[in-house]
Amino acid sequence: MRIGELSKRTGVSPRSLRYYEEQGLLTSARSDAGQRHYSDAEIQRVSLIRQLFDAGMSSRVIATVLPCVDLPDDLGVAHETYAAMTRERDRIDADITRLIETRDALDVVMQVNSRHRAKLSATLGQVARSA
């Protein structure tokens, strides 16, 4: 299938698909006219790449992880990709910890704001009643 068809079937723009190729994440065959042609297997690969990007992985890290899919019986590749996945999982855990801390800090600010608004409402209510 050509790049437009892969784009339609995956929901990923042709520009992104070309970027994936530039980064070594995706491969295509070329016609004599230079058009890209993809196999049906690339649909699943693009889906996996999108999931990894959505998880916050960079193209560099994805390129490190994908050989595990391509060469599942290579022990060296399995060790390298496991190490890369462990680093990414640790990064995601750290991001989650920071997000929880940020959410908790926001909760405190929201509580202070709620008390402040309640005081303002009470003060404005007293002013309105005395006028």
Protein backbone atom coordinates (compact mmCIF):
# COMPACT_ATOMS: atom_id res chain seq x y z
CA MET A 1 0.00 0.00 0.00
CA ARG A 2 1.13 3.55 -0.61
CA ILE A 3 1.71 6.17 2.05
CA GLY A 4 -1.77 7.71 1.67
CA GLU A 5 -3.44 4.36 2.28
CA LEU A 6 -1.25 3.65 5.33
CA SER A 7 -2.10 7.11 6.60
CA LYS A 8 -5.85 6.46 6.21
CA ARG A 9 -5.67 3.03 7.81
CA THR A 10 -3.62 4.19 10.81
CA GLY A 11 -4.81 7.76 11.30
CA VAL A 12 -1.20 8.93 11.17
CA SER A 13 -0.32 11.73 8.75
CA PRO A 14 1.92 11.06 5.77
CA ARG A 15 4.35 13.61 7.20
CA SER A 16 4.61 11.58 10.42
CA LEU A 17 5.07 8.37 8.47
CA ARG A 18 7.95 9.95 6.54
CA TYR A 19 9.42 11.10 9.85
CA TYR A 20 9.18 7.55 11.22
CA GLU A 21 11.16 6.37 8.21
CA GLU A 22 13.78 9.09 8.66
CA GLN A 23 14.22 7.96 12.26
CA GLY A 24 14.54 4.29 11.26
CA LEU A 25 11.27 3.29 12.94
CA LEU A 26 9.48 2.26 9.77
CA THR A 27 10.63 0.89 6.43
CA SER A 28 9.15 0.87 2.99
CA ALA A 29 9.97 -0.48 -0.42
CA ARG A 30 10.36 2.04 -3.22
CA SER A 31 8.85 1.83 -6.66
CA ASP A 32 10.87 2.75 -9.75
CA ALA A 33 9.26 6.17 -9.50
CA GLY A 34 10.40 6.50 -5.87
CA GLN A 35 6.99 6.06 -4.28
CA ARG A 36 6.88 4.42 -0.88
CA HIS A 37 5.09 1.08 -0.58
CA TYR A 38 4.27 -0.54 2.75
CA SER A 39 3.22 -4.04 3.71
CA ASP A 40 0.10 -4.74 5.75
CA ALA A 41 2.39 -5.55 8.72
CA GLU A 42 3.34 -1.88 8.88
CA ILE A 43 -0.18 -1.04 10.12
CA GLN A 44 0.53 -2.79 13.42
CA ARG A 45 4.01 -1.31 13.59
CA VAL A 46 2.66 2.23 13.16
CA SER A 47 0.12 1.51 15.91
CA LEU A 48 2.91 0.38 18.23
CA ILE A 49 5.02 3.42 17.37
CA ARG A 50 2.05 5.71 18.16
CA GLN A 51 1.52 3.97 21.51
CA LEU A 52 5.16 4.45 22.40
CA PHE A 53 5.10 8.13 21.38
CA ASP A 54 1.87 8.60 23.35
CA ALA A 55 3.63 7.12 26.39
CA GLY A 56 6.15 9.95 26.07
CA MET A 57 9.01 8.02 24.51
CA SER A 58 11.30 9.82 22.10
CA SER A 59 12.04 8.50 18.63
CA ARG A 60 15.56 7.67 19.84
CA VAL A 61 14.20 5.44 22.62
CA ILE A 62 11.62 3.89 20.31
CA ALA A 63 14.39 3.03 17.87
CA THR A 64 16.14 1.25 20.76
CA VAL A 65 13.01 -0.70 21.74
CA LEU A 66 11.76 -1.77 18.29
CA PRO A 67 14.56 -4.26 17.59
CA CYS A 68 13.00 -6.42 20.32
CA VAL A 69 9.98 -6.72 18.04
CA ASP A 70 12.07 -7.24 14.92
CA LEU A 71 14.58 -9.72 16.40
CA PRO A 72 12.71 -11.47 19.23
CA ASP A 73 15.21 -14.37 19.40
CA ASP A 74 18.36 -12.24 19.76
CA LEU A 75 19.43 -12.30 23.43
CA GLY A 76 21.68 -9.26 23.08
CA VAL A 77 18.84 -7.23 21.59
CA ALA A 78 16.52 -8.50 24.32
CA HIS A 79 18.96 -7.28 27.02
CA GLU A 80 19.42 -3.88 25.36
CA THR A 81 15.72 -3.29 24.86
CA TYR A 82 14.92 -4.41 28.40
CA ALA A 83 17.39 -1.86 29.75
CA ALA A 84 15.85 0.85 27.55
CA MET A 85 12.33 -0.09 28.64
CA THR A 86 13.39 -0.09 32.30
CA ARG A 87 14.82 3.44 31.93
CA GLU A 88 11.60 4.60 30.26
CA ARG A 89 9.45 3.01 32.95
CA ASP A 90 11.54 4.77 35.61
CA ARG A 91 11.13 8.07 33.73
CA ILE A 92 7.37 7.56 33.54
CA ASP A 93 7.24 6.73 37.26
CA ALA A 94 9.15 9.94 38.03
CA ASP A 95 6.75 11.91 35.80
CA ILE A 96 3.79 10.38 37.63
CA THR A 97 5.31 11.30 41.00
CA ARG A 98 5.82 14.91 39.84
CA LEU A 99 2.26 15.08 38.49
CA ILE A 100 0.83 13.78 41.76
CA GLU A 101 2.87 16.36 43.69
CA THR A 102 1.65 19.10 41.36
CA ARG A 103 -1.96 17.94 41.70
CA ASP A 104 -1.64 17.89 45.51
CA ALA A 105 -0.18 21.42 45.51
CA LEU A 106 -3.03 22.57 43.28
CA ASP A 107 -5.53 21.01 45.71
CA VAL A 108 -4.05 23.13 48.52
CA VAL A 109 -4.26 26.31 46.43
CA MET A 110 -7.86 25.45 45.49
CA GLN A 111 -8.77 25.00 49.17
CA VAL A 112 -7.24 28.39 50.01
CA ASN A 113 -9.11 29.93 47.09
CA SER A 114 -12.39 28.35 48.22
CA ARG A 115 -11.99 29.79 51.74
CA HIS A 116 -11.09 33.17 50.29
CA ARG A 117 -14.14 33.18 48.01
CA ALA A 118 -16.37 32.20 50.94
CA LYS A 119 -15.01 35.11 53.01
CA LEU A 120 -15.50 37.52 50.12
CA SER A 121 -19.06 36.30 49.60
CA ALA A 122 -19.83 36.73 53.30
CA THR A 123 -18.29 40.22 53.37
CA LEU A 124 -20.13 41.31 50.23
CA GLY A 125 -23.35 39.86 51.63
CA GLN A 126 -22.97 41.90 54.82
CA VAL A 127 -22.25 45.06 52.83
CA ALA A 128 -25.33 44.48 50.67
CA ARG A 129 -27.56 43.88 53.72
CA SER A 130 -26.32 47.03 55.49
CA ALA A 131 -26.85 49.23 52.47
